[in-house]
Protein backbone atom coordinates (compact mmCIF):
# COMPACT_ATOMS: atom_id res chain seq x y z
CA MET A 1 -123.82 56.50 29.28
CA ALA A 2 -121.85 55.36 32.18
CA GLU A 3 -122.28 51.77 30.55
CA ALA A 4 -121.27 52.77 27.34
CA LEU A 5 -118.08 54.27 29.22
CA GLU A 6 -117.35 51.36 30.95
CA GLY A 7 -117.63 48.97 28.02
CA GLN A 8 -115.12 50.96 26.00
CA THR A 9 -112.85 50.68 29.03
CA LYS A 10 -112.66 46.71 28.91
CA SER A 11 -112.00 46.78 25.22
CA ASP A 12 -109.40 49.19 25.93
CA ASP A 13 -108.21 47.05 28.48
CA THR A 14 -108.20 43.81 26.88
CA TYR A 15 -106.29 45.71 23.83
CA SER A 16 -103.50 46.76 25.79
CA SER A 17 -103.38 42.91 27.74
CA VAL A 18 -103.02 41.29 24.18
CA LEU A 19 -100.12 43.62 23.22
CA THR A 20 -98.14 43.60 26.04
CA THR A 21 -98.58 39.53 25.59
CA ALA A 22 -97.63 38.94 22.25
CA PRO A 23 -94.04 38.59 21.31
CA SER A 24 -91.91 40.59 19.73
CA PRO A 25 -91.40 40.47 16.44
CA ALA A 26 -87.61 38.96 15.29
CA PRO A 27 -85.42 42.07 13.64
CA LEU A 28 -85.25 41.64 10.05
CA SER A 29 -81.94 39.65 8.68
CA LEU A 30 -80.04 40.76 5.10
CA LYS A 31 -78.91 37.41 4.83
CA ARG A 32 -80.68 34.86 2.59
CA PRO A 33 -81.86 31.76 3.81
CA THR A 34 -79.95 28.01 3.50
CA SER A 35 -81.73 25.84 1.52
CA PRO A 36 -83.41 23.25 3.59
CA THR A 37 -81.44 20.55 1.64
CA PHE A 38 -78.46 22.01 3.27
CA HIS A 39 -79.65 21.41 7.02
CA GLU A 40 -80.51 17.65 5.55
CA ASP A 41 -77.44 16.83 4.32
CA ALA A 42 -74.74 18.39 6.18
CA SER A 43 -74.71 16.14 9.29
CA SER A 44 -74.61 13.28 6.93
CA SER A 45 -71.54 14.57 4.60
CA ARG A 46 -69.76 15.31 7.16
CA LYS A 47 -69.89 11.52 8.59
CA ARG A 48 -69.02 10.26 5.18
CA PHE A 49 -65.78 13.19 4.57
CA LYS A 50 -64.68 11.65 8.04
CA GLU A 51 -65.40 8.19 7.30
CA SER A 52 -63.20 8.18 4.19
CA GLU A 53 -60.49 10.08 5.44
CA GLY A 54 -59.24 7.15 8.11
CA PRO A 55 -56.46 7.42 10.63
CA VAL A 56 -53.36 9.43 9.73
CA ASP A 57 -49.95 7.14 9.03
CA LEU A 58 -47.31 9.32 11.10
CA ASN A 59 -44.60 6.20 10.26
CA LYS A 60 -45.22 6.89 6.36
CA ASN A 61 -44.64 10.38 6.59
CA ASP A 62 -41.29 9.78 8.24
CA SER A 63 -40.30 7.34 5.93
CA ILE A 64 -40.87 9.56 3.44
CA ILE A 65 -38.70 12.32 5.09
CA GLU A 66 -35.95 9.99 5.69
CA SER A 67 -36.16 8.84 2.02
CA LYS A 68 -35.53 12.18 0.66
CA LEU A 69 -32.56 12.79 3.32
CA ALA A 70 -30.67 10.23 2.25
CA ASP A 71 -30.87 11.04 -1.40
CA ASP A 72 -29.85 14.17 -0.28
CA LEU A 73 -26.73 12.89 1.61
CA ALA A 74 -26.33 10.50 -1.40
CA GLN A 75 -25.90 13.52 -3.28
CA GLU A 76 -23.86 15.23 -1.46
CA LEU A 77 -21.24 12.23 -1.19
CA GLU A 78 -21.30 11.67 -5.13
CA CYS A 79 -17.43 10.99 -6.21
CA GLY A 80 -15.85 14.44 -8.42
CA CYS A 81 -14.66 12.14 -10.75
CA CYS A 82 -17.02 9.16 -11.44
CA SER A 83 -20.02 11.11 -9.92
CA GLU A 84 -21.09 7.66 -7.86
CA LEU A 85 -21.34 7.53 -4.19
CA LEU A 86 -17.69 7.39 -2.73
CA TYR A 87 -16.22 4.49 -1.99
CA LYS A 88 -13.00 4.33 0.53
CA PRO A 89 -12.92 8.32 0.12
CA VAL A 90 -10.04 9.63 0.05
CA MET A 91 -9.53 13.90 0.76
CA VAL A 92 -6.80 15.77 -0.84
CA THR A 93 -4.27 18.22 0.54
CA PRO A 94 -4.86 21.49 0.77
CA CYS A 95 -7.74 22.39 -1.03
CA GLN A 96 -10.05 19.19 1.05
CA HIS A 97 -11.85 17.78 -1.98
CA PHE A 98 -12.88 13.75 -1.89
CA PHE A 99 -13.16 10.89 -4.36
CA CYS A 100 -12.79 7.60 -4.49
CA GLY A 101 -9.71 6.28 -3.38
CA SER A 102 -9.48 3.93 -6.76
CA CYS A 103 -10.77 6.88 -9.02
CA CYS A 104 -7.82 9.40 -7.46
CA GLN A 105 -5.58 6.07 -7.97
CA LEU A 106 -6.45 5.98 -11.53
CA TRP A 107 -5.89 10.12 -11.67
CA ILE A 108 -2.37 10.12 -10.34
CA ARG A 109 -1.47 6.73 -12.48
CA ASN A 110 -2.64 8.21 -16.06
CA GLY A 111 -0.33 11.34 -15.34
CA GLY A 112 -2.61 13.36 -12.58
CA THR A 113 -0.24 15.93 -10.55
CA SER A 114 -2.69 18.18 -8.88
CA CYS A 115 -6.81 17.60 -7.65
CA PRO A 116 -9.00 16.21 -10.32
CA ALA A 117 -11.50 18.81 -9.03
CA CYS A 118 -10.17 22.23 -8.56
CA ARG A 119 -6.49 21.89 -10.57
CA SER A 120 -4.85 23.15 -7.41
CA VAL A 121 -1.30 22.22 -6.35
CA SER A 122 -1.81 19.12 -4.33
CA THR A 123 0.47 16.91 -2.16
CA THR A 124 -1.08 14.10 -0.73
CA ALA A 125 -4.81 12.02 -0.97
CA SER A 126 -5.58 11.08 2.60
CA PRO A 127 -8.16 8.38 3.96
CA SER A 128 -10.90 10.35 5.22
CA ARG A 129 -12.29 8.37 8.39
CA PRO A 130 -15.32 10.95 9.14
CA LEU A 131 -16.55 10.74 5.56
CA GLN A 132 -16.33 6.89 6.05
CA LEU A 133 -18.49 7.13 9.09
CA VAL A 134 -21.24 8.70 6.78
CA LEU A 135 -21.17 6.66 4.33
CA ASP A 136 -21.67 3.47 6.69
CA THR A 137 -24.25 5.35 8.33
CA LEU A 138 -25.99 6.09 5.43
CA LEU A 139 -25.61 2.98 3.98
CA ARG A 140 -27.43 1.12 6.66
CA SER A 141 -30.10 3.21 6.55
CA ALA A 142 -30.27 2.80 2.54
CA PRO A 143 -28.71 -0.31 1.53
CA HIS A 144 -30.21 0.01 -1.42
CA LYS A 145 -27.77 2.76 -2.43
CA ALA A 146 -24.58 0.72 -1.92
CA ARG A 147 -22.31 0.16 -4.84
CA ALA A 148 -22.67 -3.00 -6.65
CA ILE A 149 -20.13 -6.02 -5.79
CA ARG A 150 -18.11 -5.71 -8.73
CA GLU A 151 -17.62 -2.20 -8.81
CA ARG A 152 -16.50 -2.56 -5.41
CA GLU A 153 -13.84 -5.57 -6.26
CA GLN A 154 -12.60 -3.47 -9.31
CA ALA A 155 -11.85 -0.42 -6.81
CA ASP A 156 -10.54 -3.30 -4.51
CA GLU A 157 -7.62 -4.03 -6.88
CA ILE A 158 -6.83 -0.83 -7.58
CA TYR A 159 -6.70 1.28 -4.13
CA LYS A 160 -5.81 -0.04 -1.29
CA SER A 161 -7.50 0.56 1.96
CA GLY A 162 -6.14 3.06 4.17
CA THR A 163 -3.14 4.21 1.74
CA THR A 164 -2.11 7.63 1.50
CA MET A 165 -1.06 8.48 -2.18
CA ARG A 166 0.94 11.54 -3.36
CA PHE A 167 0.88 13.91 -5.90
CA PRO A 168 3.72 13.72 -8.52
CA SER A 169 5.39 17.05 -8.53
CA PRO A 170 4.45 19.10 -11.72
CA ARG A 171 6.97 18.81 -14.70
CA GLU A 172 9.23 21.25 -15.41
CA ALA A 173 8.54 23.90 -18.14
CA SER A 174 10.49 23.36 -21.31
CA PRO A 175 12.42 26.56 -22.51
CA GLU A 176 10.93 29.25 -24.38
CA PRO A 177 11.18 28.29 -28.33
CA LEU A 178 13.10 30.44 -30.55
CA VAL A 179 10.49 31.50 -33.30
CA ASN A 180 13.46 33.34 -35.48
CA ILE A 181 15.52 30.34 -36.16
CA SER A 182 15.79 29.91 -40.25
CA ALA A 183 14.67 26.27 -41.30
CA GLU A 184 17.27 26.44 -44.33
CA TYR A 185 20.78 27.63 -42.51
CA ALA A 186 22.57 27.11 -39.23
CA ARG A 187 22.47 29.15 -36.39
CA PRO A 188 25.88 30.17 -34.71
CA CYS A 189 26.31 28.28 -31.82
CA PRO A 190 27.01 29.90 -28.17
CA HIS A 191 30.90 30.26 -28.81
CA CYS A 192 30.91 31.69 -32.43
CA SER A 193 30.78 35.14 -31.46
CA PRO A 194 34.09 37.13 -30.34
CA ASN A 195 32.01 38.78 -27.86
CA ASN A 196 30.22 35.75 -26.01
CA PRO A 197 30.08 35.54 -22.33
CA TYR A 198 31.92 32.10 -21.85
CA GLY A 199 35.69 33.31 -22.03
CA TRP A 200 36.01 30.96 -25.33
CA ILE A 201 35.72 31.26 -28.77
CA CYS A 202 34.83 28.44 -31.82
CA PRO A 203 37.93 28.19 -33.90
CA GLN A 204 35.01 27.21 -37.07
CA PRO A 205 32.26 29.42 -36.24
CA ILE A 206 28.74 29.68 -38.03
CA PRO A 207 28.23 32.65 -39.91
CA ASP A 208 25.10 34.19 -39.24
CA PRO A 209 22.93 33.59 -41.47
CA VAL A 210 21.37 37.41 -41.28
CA VAL A 211 24.31 39.47 -40.82
CA ASP A 212 26.25 37.78 -43.91
CA PRO A 213 23.60 35.60 -45.62
CA ASP A 214 26.47 34.85 -48.38
CA HIS A 215 28.20 32.52 -46.41
CA ALA A 216 25.40 30.89 -44.51
CA TRP A 217 25.31 27.36 -43.80
CA HIS A 218 22.70 25.46 -45.51
CA LEU A 219 21.45 22.74 -43.50
CA ASP A 220 21.35 20.27 -46.62
CA ASP A 221 25.10 20.29 -46.23
CA GLY A 222 25.22 18.74 -42.73
CA ILE A 223 26.74 19.41 -39.41
CA PRO A 224 28.28 22.51 -39.52
CA THR A 225 32.32 21.46 -39.46
CA GLY A 226 33.96 21.51 -35.74
CA HIS A 227 30.12 21.17 -34.59
CA SER A 228 27.35 19.05 -33.22
CA GLN A 229 23.69 19.00 -32.19
CA CYS A 230 22.87 19.62 -27.82
CA GLY A 231 20.95 16.36 -26.92
CA ASN A 232 18.46 18.23 -25.13
CA CYS A 233 18.20 22.07 -26.57
CA GLU A 234 18.91 20.66 -30.29
CA THR A 235 21.14 23.97 -30.84
CA PHE A 236 24.25 23.77 -31.96
CA LEU A 237 27.48 23.51 -30.04
CA ALA A 238 31.06 23.47 -30.59
CA LEU A 239 32.84 20.27 -29.76
CA ASN A 240 36.14 21.74 -28.29
CA ALA A 241 33.93 24.26 -25.94
CA PRO A 242 34.49 24.00 -22.32
CA THR A 243 30.95 23.83 -21.48
CA THR A 244 30.49 20.69 -23.91
CA THR A 245 29.93 17.37 -22.24
CA LYS A 246 29.66 13.95 -23.86
CA CYS A 247 27.46 10.86 -22.13
CA ASP A 248 30.20 7.93 -22.41
CA PHE A 249 27.05 5.58 -23.05
CA CYS A 250 25.30 6.78 -26.23
CA LEU A 251 28.16 9.56 -27.92
CA VAL A 252 25.52 12.41 -27.49
CA ARG A 253 27.13 15.78 -26.89
CA PHE A 254 25.50 18.68 -24.54
CA CYS A 255 26.10 22.44 -24.67
CA GLY A 256 25.90 23.32 -20.99
CA VAL A 257 24.28 26.37 -21.49
CA GLU A 258 20.77 26.71 -22.53
CA VAL A 259 19.07 24.19 -19.95
CA PRO A 260 22.39 23.47 -17.27
CA THR A 261 20.82 21.14 -15.23
CA ARG A 262 19.67 19.18 -18.36
CA CYS A 263 21.94 19.97 -21.38
CA SER A 264 24.95 17.72 -19.52
CA ALA A 265 26.67 15.02 -19.17
CA VAL A 266 27.68 14.20 -15.70
CA PRO A 267 29.30 11.81 -13.83
CA VAL A 268 27.43 8.54 -13.60
CA ILE A 269 26.73 8.15 -10.01
CA LEU A 270 25.54 11.91 -9.46
CA GLN A 271 22.85 11.75 -12.64
CA GLN A 272 19.49 12.27 -12.02
CA PRO A 273 17.17 9.67 -14.50
CA HIS A 274 14.97 11.29 -17.29
CA GLY A 275 11.14 11.35 -16.39
CA PHE A 276 12.12 9.84 -12.42
CA SER A 277 11.80 12.75 -9.65
CA ASP A 278 9.85 11.39 -6.90
CA MET A 279 7.41 8.65 -6.37
CA GLY A 280 4.46 9.58 -8.60
CA ASP A 281 6.80 9.04 -11.64
CA LEU A 282 7.07 5.53 -10.47
CA VAL A 283 3.40 5.26 -10.30
CA VAL A 284 2.54 6.61 -13.61
CA SER A 285 5.70 5.18 -15.56
CA THR A 286 4.45 1.89 -17.81
CA ASP A 287 7.87 1.21 -18.45
CA VAL A 288 8.42 0.06 -14.40
CA TYR A 289 5.00 -2.40 -14.88
CA GLU A 290 6.55 -3.47 -17.80
CA SER A 291 9.93 -4.50 -16.61
CA PHE A 292 8.04 -6.31 -14.18
CA GLY A 293 6.46 -8.18 -16.51
CA GLY A 294 3.38 -6.59 -15.94
CA ASN A 295 2.95 -8.06 -12.27
CA ALA A 296 0.65 -5.39 -11.17
CA VAL A 297 0.85 -7.07 -7.59
CA GLU A 298 4.67 -6.95 -7.28
CA VAL A 299 4.82 -3.39 -8.18
CA ASP A 300 2.10 -1.94 -6.01
CA ILE A 301 4.18 -3.97 -3.20
CA LEU A 302 7.47 -2.27 -4.54
CA LEU A 303 5.38 0.71 -4.16
CA ASP A 304 4.16 0.49 -0.56
CA TYR A 305 7.74 -0.48 0.20
CA LEU A 306 9.57 2.72 -1.04
CA SER A 307 7.00 5.14 0.75
CA ALA A 308 7.36 3.20 4.18
CA GLN A 309 11.60 2.94 3.92
CA ASP A 310 11.18 6.88 2.35
CA LEU A 311 13.10 5.59 -0.85
CA SER A 312 13.92 7.85 -3.99
CA PRO A 313 14.32 6.65 -7.62
CA ARG A 314 17.30 8.41 -7.43
CA HIS A 315 18.68 6.30 -4.08
CA ILE A 316 17.66 3.64 -6.34
CA TYR A 317 19.20 4.84 -9.36
CA ARG A 318 22.60 4.69 -7.00
CA ASP A 319 22.28 1.61 -5.84
CA ILE A 320 22.07 0.03 -9.36
CA VAL A 321 25.11 2.14 -10.59
CA LYS A 322 27.17 0.81 -7.58
CA HIS A 323 26.07 -3.26 -8.12
CA ILE A 324 27.36 -2.80 -11.54
CA GLN A 325 29.97 -1.12 -10.63
CA GLU A 326 31.26 -3.85 -8.64
CA GLN A 327 31.42 -6.20 -11.31
CA PRO A 328 34.11 -7.25 -13.34
CA ARG A 329 33.10 -5.59 -16.13
CA GLN A 330 31.15 -2.90 -14.88
CA PHE A 331 29.09 -1.58 -17.71
CA LEU A 332 30.46 -2.79 -21.21
CA PRO A 333 28.03 -6.46 -20.83
CA LEU A 334 24.84 -3.47 -20.85
CA VAL A 335 26.79 -1.50 -23.91
CA GLU A 336 27.44 -4.76 -25.82
CA SER A 337 23.39 -5.57 -25.46
CA GLU A 338 22.93 -2.38 -27.08
CA LEU A 339 20.88 -0.82 -24.24
CA PHE A 340 21.94 2.51 -25.40
CA ASP A 341 21.04 4.46 -28.72
CA ILE A 342 24.33 5.43 -29.62
CA HIS A 343 25.12 8.22 -31.80
CA THR A 344 28.52 8.43 -33.10
CA ILE A 345 30.00 11.44 -35.13
CA PRO A 346 31.79 10.98 -39.05
CA ASN A 347 35.57 10.26 -38.63
CA MET A 348 35.51 9.91 -35.19
CA GLU A 349 36.20 6.24 -34.02
CA HIS A 350 34.09 4.77 -30.92
CA ASP A 351 36.16 2.00 -28.34
CA PRO A 352 33.23 0.55 -26.57
CA SER A 353 36.06 -1.06 -23.95
CA ALA A 354 36.33 3.27 -23.49
CA PRO A 355 35.82 4.28 -19.71
CA HIS A 356 32.33 5.36 -19.03
CA ASN A 357 32.34 8.14 -16.87
CA ARG A 358 30.11 10.20 -17.53
CA ILE A 359 26.09 9.77 -18.67
CA CYS A 360 23.20 11.73 -19.92
CA ARG A 361 19.77 11.74 -18.20
CA GLN A 362 18.05 9.35 -20.54
CA CYS A 363 20.72 6.53 -20.74
CA ALA A 364 20.49 7.02 -16.83
CA CYS A 365 17.03 6.62 -17.35
CA GLU A 366 17.91 3.24 -19.50
CA ILE A 367 20.25 1.81 -16.53
CA PHE A 368 17.03 2.80 -13.78
CA ILE A 369 14.77 0.58 -15.83
CA TRP A 370 17.23 -2.03 -17.02
CA GLY A 371 17.93 -2.47 -13.25
CA LEU A 372 15.12 -2.05 -10.98
CA LYS A 373 14.09 -5.12 -11.06
CA ASP A 374 17.53 -6.67 -10.16
CA TRP A 375 17.25 -4.08 -7.52
CA TRP A 376 14.21 -5.29 -5.84
CA VAL A 377 15.62 -9.02 -5.66
CA ARG A 378 18.19 -7.81 -4.12
CA GLU A 379 16.31 -5.35 -1.46
CA ARG A 380 13.44 -8.24 -0.25
CA LYS A 381 16.84 -10.22 0.77
CA LYS A 382 17.28 -7.57 3.39
CA GLY A 383 13.91 -8.91 5.16
CA PHE A 384 11.89 -5.75 5.81
CA LEU A 385 8.65 -6.95 4.05
CA GLU A 386 5.82 -8.18 5.25
CA GLU A 387 5.87 -12.11 6.24
CA HIS A 388 2.67 -12.30 3.94
CA VAL A 389 4.65 -10.99 1.13
CA MET A 390 7.48 -13.56 1.83
CA ASN A 391 5.79 -15.96 2.57
CA ARG A 392 3.83 -16.61 -0.51
CA LYS A 393 4.48 -19.84 -2.58
CA ASP A 394 7.25 -19.37 -5.55
CA CYS A 395 5.44 -19.91 -8.78
CA PRO A 396 7.10 -22.78 -10.29
CA LYS A 397 7.26 -21.24 -13.84
CA GLY A 398 9.07 -18.16 -11.76
CA ASP A 399 9.63 -14.65 -14.50
CA ASP A 400 8.78 -16.49 -17.50
CA CYS A 401 5.32 -16.72 -16.32
CA MET A 402 2.63 -16.23 -18.16
CA MET A 403 -0.23 -15.46 -15.97
CA GLN A 404 1.17 -13.15 -13.36
CA LYS A 405 -0.39 -10.42 -15.27
CA ASP A 406 -3.40 -12.51 -13.31
CA LEU A 407 -4.13 -10.20 -9.94
CA VAL A 408 -5.33 -13.45 -8.44
CA HIS A 409 -2.51 -15.71 -9.50
CA ALA A 410 -0.51 -12.78 -8.76
CA LYS A 411 -1.39 -12.25 -4.99
CA GLU A 412 -1.21 -16.32 -4.70
CA PHE A 413 2.70 -17.03 -6.29
CA ASN A 414 5.98 -15.17 -5.48
CA HIS A 415 7.42 -14.08 -8.88
CA ILE A 416 10.15 -12.46 -7.88
CA PHE A 417 13.33 -14.89 -7.06
CA GLY A 418 16.54 -15.66 -8.52
CA GLU A 419 19.76 -14.53 -9.40
CA PRO A 420 19.39 -10.97 -10.47
CA LYS A 421 20.58 -10.59 -14.23
CA GLY A 422 23.37 -7.69 -13.16
CA ASN A 423 24.88 -11.20 -11.72
CA GLU A 424 24.34 -13.39 -14.45
CA LEU A 425 25.24 -11.12 -17.11
CA ALA A 426 29.18 -10.94 -15.46
CA VAL A 427 29.30 -14.23 -14.39
CA SER A 428 27.99 -15.07 -17.94
CA SER A 429 31.22 -12.86 -19.60
CA ILE A 430 33.45 -14.22 -17.35
CA ALA A 431 32.53 -17.59 -17.74
CA THR A 432 32.45 -17.34 -21.53
CA THR A 433 35.89 -15.78 -21.29
CA SER A 434 37.52 -18.36 -19.50
CA SER A 435 36.22 -21.80 -21.00
CA SER A 436 37.25 -20.60 -24.63
CA GLU A 437 40.58 -20.04 -22.92
CA ASP A 438 40.45 -23.56 -21.10
CA ALA A 439 39.26 -25.09 -24.02
CA THR A 440 41.69 -23.57 -26.15
CA ILE A 441 44.73 -24.91 -23.53
CA ALA A 442 43.13 -28.32 -23.15
CA ALA A 443 42.33 -29.12 -26.36
CA PRO A 444 44.41 -31.95 -27.35
CA ILE A 445 46.42 -31.94 -30.96
CA ALA A 446 44.80 -34.20 -33.07
CA GLU A 447 47.54 -36.62 -34.43
CA PRO A 448 47.35 -37.23 -37.99
CA THR A 449 45.64 -39.42 -40.21
CA PRO A 450 47.33 -41.91 -42.23
CA ALA A 451 45.61 -40.33 -45.11
CA ALA A 452 46.43 -37.15 -44.25
CA ALA A 453 50.36 -37.94 -43.73
CA ALA A 454 50.77 -39.55 -47.32
CA THR A 455 49.20 -36.33 -48.60
CA ALA A 456 52.06 -34.36 -46.96
CA THR A 457 54.60 -37.02 -47.48
CA THR A 458 53.38 -36.17 -50.94
CA GLU A 459 53.82 -32.64 -50.77
């Protein structure tokens, strides 16, 4: 019995030692084990990914960012007229919009009186140095964005770098039209009404077609007696009214009532040439370029000179008038050359040699265009022009040169020289008169031939 108990005790000790030395079972996991192939290929796949990725190129990223920045900046610096990158930019005052200098110059030449972008009232367009510095920086980093060479050459021919341009003032609004005027019958003039505010009553009033249709004057019968039409507003006027004035050059009458500054003929020296209020009108006028034979280079020199000297078209006109009045025959050569479109009134004689004291705006414009180039010839002799302008060689063909429209030829040669035609007209007229008188006095009396003497004796 004792042996049995001792054996049982030994077996229990052996089981206990087995329990203590046996490892504890691992805790159960709910995750699905990975595939054996994954563990085999994981290291090799990561190796292949690193090999295929290669080193990172930081310079390439920088170049992409710079290219995008250059594109965005070039888009912001587009001209509002041509939608291309600015070239010699100018900024409009006061709205601060910017354009190519050549685009703005063409805008003004074509009659623009406001900003091309916002159409607001503008005064000047000046070169913008800050914009030019930004453009230079952009083109250094992106030279391929520069304008084509031919485009830049054409722009340089139109706009001179550093020049400030002036916008012409807006045109004066025309008077409101009279919508109820009859197209068949004449309307009374401002002095036909007995109660008119002008203090003078027309002795031959025109019947009002609304009040007295039976005696209305039909326009098919011509101009009503004692009346004419105003050269500006085209309303009827009384010939003898104190407000009526006549241009001594074209003989057109003006009412002096509707638009007093325009419906009148004033003393010659005081008139304002029609269509030439300021410098901007000279820039856009085709007549100015035609008077210089299409020589755009010389016209640009003239405009730069006028801007530097602050001379207005009215100042030039007065100088031209004073020069003509100093000539022996004054305005008579211009009248004889049919410079003015004369409108005569039936049963009224016209004496071309009569004094020319009053002038209308249109005839003043004719004198201005006629004498502008001669004025420029005289003005150049004062020595105020730059040396590189005055030192140009004279073209052998002078004013008759057919090449002066070519910009290269016009820049190289001078075509403005010689005696002004105002002097030539005066001198030629005097020479013609004196030569005819001298020929009459100095012509010897021809002795009769024997045949003529025999005929005279027979008779």
